[in-house]
Each structure stands twice: as structure tokens, then as C-alpha cells.
N, C-alpha and C. Protein backbone atom coordinates (compact mmCIF):
# COMPACT_ATOMS: atom_id res chain seq x y z
N MET A 1 0.51 -1.11 -0.13
CA MET A 1 -0.20 0.03 0.06
C MET A 1 0.90 1.30 -0.11
N ARG A 2 0.69 2.27 -0.61
CA ARG A 2 1.10 3.52 -0.57
C ARG A 2 0.70 3.91 0.27
N LYS A 3 2.29 4.53 0.77
CA LYS A 3 1.92 5.57 2.16
C LYS A 3 1.41 7.22 1.87
N THR A 4 0.92 7.59 2.36
CA THR A 4 -0.20 8.80 2.13
C THR A 4 0.18 9.66 2.79
N PHE A 5 -0.10 11.31 2.52
CA PHE A 5 0.90 12.08 2.87
C PHE A 5 1.00 12.23 4.23
N ARG A 6 -0.26 11.96 5.33
CA ARG A 6 -0.25 12.07 6.60
C ARG A 6 0.53 10.94 6.91
N ASN A 7 0.31 10.00 6.38
CA ASN A 7 1.62 8.96 7.23
C ASN A 7 2.82 8.73 6.75
N ARG A 8 3.24 9.66 5.88
CA ARG A 8 4.87 10.30 5.44
C ARG A 8 4.78 11.22 6.36
N ARG A 9 3.97 12.05 7.23
CA ARG A 9 3.89 13.04 7.73
C ARG A 9 4.23 12.74 9.48
N LEU A 10 3.32 11.93 9.72
CA LEU A 10 3.44 11.03 11.03
C LEU A 10 4.65 10.12 10.91
N ASP A 11 5.07 10.02 10.13
CA ASP A 11 6.43 8.84 10.08
C ASP A 11 7.52 9.96 10.41
N ARG A 12 7.50 11.27 10.20
CA ARG A 12 8.25 11.85 10.18
C ARG A 12 8.53 12.36 12.19
N GLY A 13 7.10 12.20 12.65
CA GLY A 13 6.81 12.80 13.88
C GLY A 13 6.49 14.33 13.88
N TRP A 14 6.34 15.10 12.89
CA TRP A 14 5.37 16.24 12.04
C TRP A 14 4.00 16.42 12.77
N THR A 15 3.68 17.28 13.25
CA THR A 15 2.43 17.90 13.55
C THR A 15 2.60 18.79 12.51
N LEU A 16 1.30 19.44 12.35
CA LEU A 16 0.86 20.23 10.88
C LEU A 16 1.74 21.45 10.82
N ARG A 17 1.66 22.06 12.36
CA ARG A 17 2.63 23.03 12.36
C ARG A 17 4.19 22.87 12.28
N ASP A 18 4.32 21.87 12.14
CA ASP A 18 6.06 21.59 12.20
C ASP A 18 6.14 21.44 10.73
N LEU A 19 5.39 20.86 9.93
CA LEU A 19 5.19 20.76 8.50
C LEU A 19 5.17 22.45 8.26
N ALA A 20 4.12 23.12 8.55
CA ALA A 20 4.72 24.53 7.70
C ALA A 20 5.51 24.93 8.27
N GLU A 21 6.26 24.78 9.33
CA GLU A 21 7.52 24.98 9.97
C GLU A 21 8.54 24.76 8.47
N GLN A 22 8.52 23.78 8.65
CA GLN A 22 9.32 22.95 7.55
C GLN A 22 9.28 23.98 6.19
N CYS A 23 8.60 24.24 5.65
CA CYS A 23 7.88 24.59 4.39
C CYS A 23 8.28 26.09 4.50
N GLU A 24 8.14 26.72 5.54
CA GLU A 24 8.82 28.28 5.67
C GLU A 24 10.51 27.89 5.56
N ARG A 25 11.08 26.81 6.03
CA ARG A 25 12.27 27.36 6.05
C ARG A 25 13.38 26.95 4.63
N LYS A 26 12.04 26.19 3.42
CA LYS A 26 12.58 25.74 2.12
C LYS A 26 11.88 27.38 1.61
N GLY A 27 11.70 28.44 2.13
CA GLY A 27 12.16 29.72 1.39
C GLY A 27 10.44 29.94 0.69
N ILE A 28 9.20 29.56 1.14
CA ILE A 28 7.89 29.70 0.95
C ILE A 28 7.06 30.32 2.44
N PRO A 29 6.40 30.74 1.69
CA PRO A 29 5.54 31.50 2.55
C PRO A 29 4.79 30.39 3.34
N ARG A 30 4.65 30.82 4.62
CA ARG A 30 4.07 29.96 5.66
C ARG A 30 2.71 29.49 5.68
N PRO A 31 2.60 28.01 5.21
CA PRO A 31 1.27 27.52 4.59
C PRO A 31 0.34 27.56 6.29
N SER A 32 -1.29 27.58 6.50
CA SER A 32 -1.28 27.78 7.75
C SER A 32 -1.71 26.25 8.02
N ASP A 33 -1.93 25.80 9.53
CA ASP A 33 -2.29 24.81 9.47
C ASP A 33 -3.74 23.86 8.78
N SER A 34 -4.52 24.98 8.93
CA SER A 34 -5.54 24.63 8.35
C SER A 34 -5.84 24.64 7.03
N ASN A 35 -4.53 24.97 6.04
CA ASN A 35 -4.34 24.84 4.82
C ASN A 35 -3.98 23.52 4.55
N LEU A 36 -3.19 23.03 5.02
CA LEU A 36 -2.13 21.92 5.05
C LEU A 36 -3.10 20.82 5.40
N SER A 37 -4.17 21.28 6.32
CA SER A 37 -5.07 19.86 6.95
C SER A 37 -6.10 19.61 5.72
N VAL A 38 -6.53 20.74 4.87
CA VAL A 38 -7.21 20.08 3.77
C VAL A 38 -6.85 19.49 2.56
N ILE A 39 -5.03 19.86 2.25
CA ILE A 39 -4.26 19.22 1.47
C ILE A 39 -4.23 17.74 1.82
N GLU A 40 -3.86 17.65 3.45
CA GLU A 40 -3.83 16.59 3.45
C GLU A 40 -4.66 15.26 3.31
N ARG A 41 -6.35 15.98 3.43
CA ARG A 41 -7.05 14.91 3.29
C ARG A 41 -7.52 15.35 1.79
N GLY A 42 -7.13 15.33 1.13
CA GLY A 42 -7.24 15.21 -0.48
C GLY A 42 -8.67 16.48 -0.94
N ILE A 43 -9.00 17.19 0.01
CA ILE A 43 -10.47 18.43 -0.31
C ILE A 43 -9.47 19.62 -1.09
N HIS A 44 -8.08 20.01 -0.87
CA HIS A 44 -8.00 20.70 -2.02
C HIS A 44 -5.89 20.37 -2.88
N ALA A 45 -5.86 20.75 -3.38
CA ALA A 45 -4.64 20.37 -4.05
C ALA A 45 -3.94 21.25 -3.94
N PRO A 46 -2.33 21.40 -3.48
CA PRO A 46 -1.71 23.05 -3.39
C PRO A 46 -1.14 23.13 -4.69
N ARG A 47 -0.88 24.46 -4.33
CA ARG A 47 -0.49 25.44 -5.67
C ARG A 47 0.99 24.95 -5.84
N PRO A 48 1.34 25.25 -6.79
CA PRO A 48 2.52 24.21 -7.46
C PRO A 48 3.86 24.78 -6.29
N ALA A 49 4.01 25.82 -5.80
CA ALA A 49 5.28 26.34 -4.72
C ALA A 49 5.21 25.46 -3.75
N LEU A 50 3.86 25.28 -3.40
CA LEU A 50 4.14 24.72 -2.12
C LEU A 50 3.92 23.02 -2.31
N ARG A 51 3.28 22.63 -3.41
CA ARG A 51 3.45 21.29 -3.97
C ARG A 51 4.94 20.49 -4.00
N ALA A 52 5.69 21.52 -5.05
CA ALA A 52 6.72 21.16 -4.62
C ALA A 52 7.71 20.69 -3.51
N VAL A 53 7.62 21.70 -2.59
CA VAL A 53 8.04 21.67 -1.08
C VAL A 53 7.12 20.32 -0.11
N LEU A 54 6.50 20.52 -0.52
CA LEU A 54 5.43 19.10 0.56
C LEU A 54 6.42 17.79 0.05
N CYS A 55 6.21 17.77 -1.45
CA CYS A 55 6.59 16.12 -1.99
C CYS A 55 7.97 16.50 -1.53
N GLU A 56 8.84 17.61 -1.20
CA GLU A 56 10.45 17.30 -1.19
C GLU A 56 10.48 16.59 0.58
N LEU A 57 9.82 17.39 1.24
CA LEU A 57 9.64 17.33 2.65
C LEU A 57 9.08 15.73 2.90
N LEU A 58 7.74 15.28 2.14
CA LEU A 58 7.59 13.88 2.15
C LEU A 58 8.09 13.13 1.47
N ASP A 59 8.84 13.30 0.65
CA ASP A 59 9.59 12.01 -0.30
C ASP A 59 8.07 12.08 -1.02
N LEU A 60 7.34 12.91 -1.72
CA LEU A 60 5.98 11.93 -2.25
C LEU A 60 6.43 12.42 -3.75
N PRO A 61 6.24 11.66 -4.65
CA PRO A 61 6.40 11.84 -6.13
C PRO A 61 5.17 12.78 -6.50
N ILE A 62 6.15 13.84 -7.14
CA ILE A 62 5.85 14.92 -7.81
C ILE A 62 4.19 14.80 -8.21
N ASP A 63 4.22 13.72 -9.34
CA ASP A 63 2.72 13.79 -9.20
C ASP A 63 1.86 13.26 -8.11
N TYR A 64 2.14 13.11 -7.02
CA TYR A 64 1.18 12.78 -5.37
C TYR A 64 -0.04 13.45 -5.71
N PHE A 65 -0.36 14.66 -6.25
CA PHE A 65 -1.36 15.40 -5.90
C PHE A 65 -2.16 15.18 -6.99
N ASP A 66 -1.47 14.96 -8.03
CA ASP A 66 -2.38 14.75 -9.31
C ASP A 66 -3.89 13.54 -9.16
N ASP A 67 -3.10 12.55 -8.47
CA ASP A 67 -3.88 11.31 -8.59
C ASP A 67 -5.07 11.15 -7.59
N GLY A 68 -5.69 10.04 -7.49
CA GLY A 68 -6.55 10.05 -6.79
C GLY A 68 -5.97 9.01 -4.99
N ASP A 69 -4.73 9.31 -4.85
CA ASP A 69 -4.34 8.68 -3.73
C ASP A 69 -3.67 9.01 -3.20
N ARG A 70 -4.32 10.08 -3.18
CA ARG A 70 -3.66 11.19 -1.76
C ARG A 70 -4.50 11.58 -0.60
N VAL A 71 -5.41 11.13 -0.64
CA VAL A 71 -6.67 10.93 0.84
C VAL A 71 -5.64 10.42 1.59
N ALA A 72 -6.01 10.79 2.90
CA ALA A 72 -5.63 10.36 4.43
C ALA A 72 -6.57 8.98 4.35
N SER A 73 -5.87 8.04 4.97
CA SER A 73 -6.56 7.04 5.49
C SER A 73 -6.30 6.83 7.00
């Protein structure tokens, strides 16, 4: 089974706030916890800059947000 956004975040021991801080360290405007939550639940896909950083931080394929496997389980 393919690991989801949420699984990978939790594997790193990160809260949504921790992930937001990591994104900010990568040079993009800090996303809100609520924004990351809706992305994690598959309700919205991130904008391109945030998408690239999330994929890098969570070791996800760049097309992760393009397919139907993005919803957390």
C-alpha cells in the first residue's frame, strides 16, 4: 500500500505546525495548519510552489497530488 501524505508526515513525527515550519524553512510563505489539513485530506491540491516543497519534504512523487491516492487513510 502506498503511503499517504498523512502517513509520511506522522512517520517524521511532525504535526501540521511542524510541517508548516519546514515549508517556511524551504523559502515559501508559511502555510496555515488549516490549509495543510485540507491538502492532507485531499479536499484541495496545493499550489505549485507548495506542492514541490511538500513532495520534497515528505518524499512523495511530484504527481502525488494529481491522482486519486492523495486522501489520507
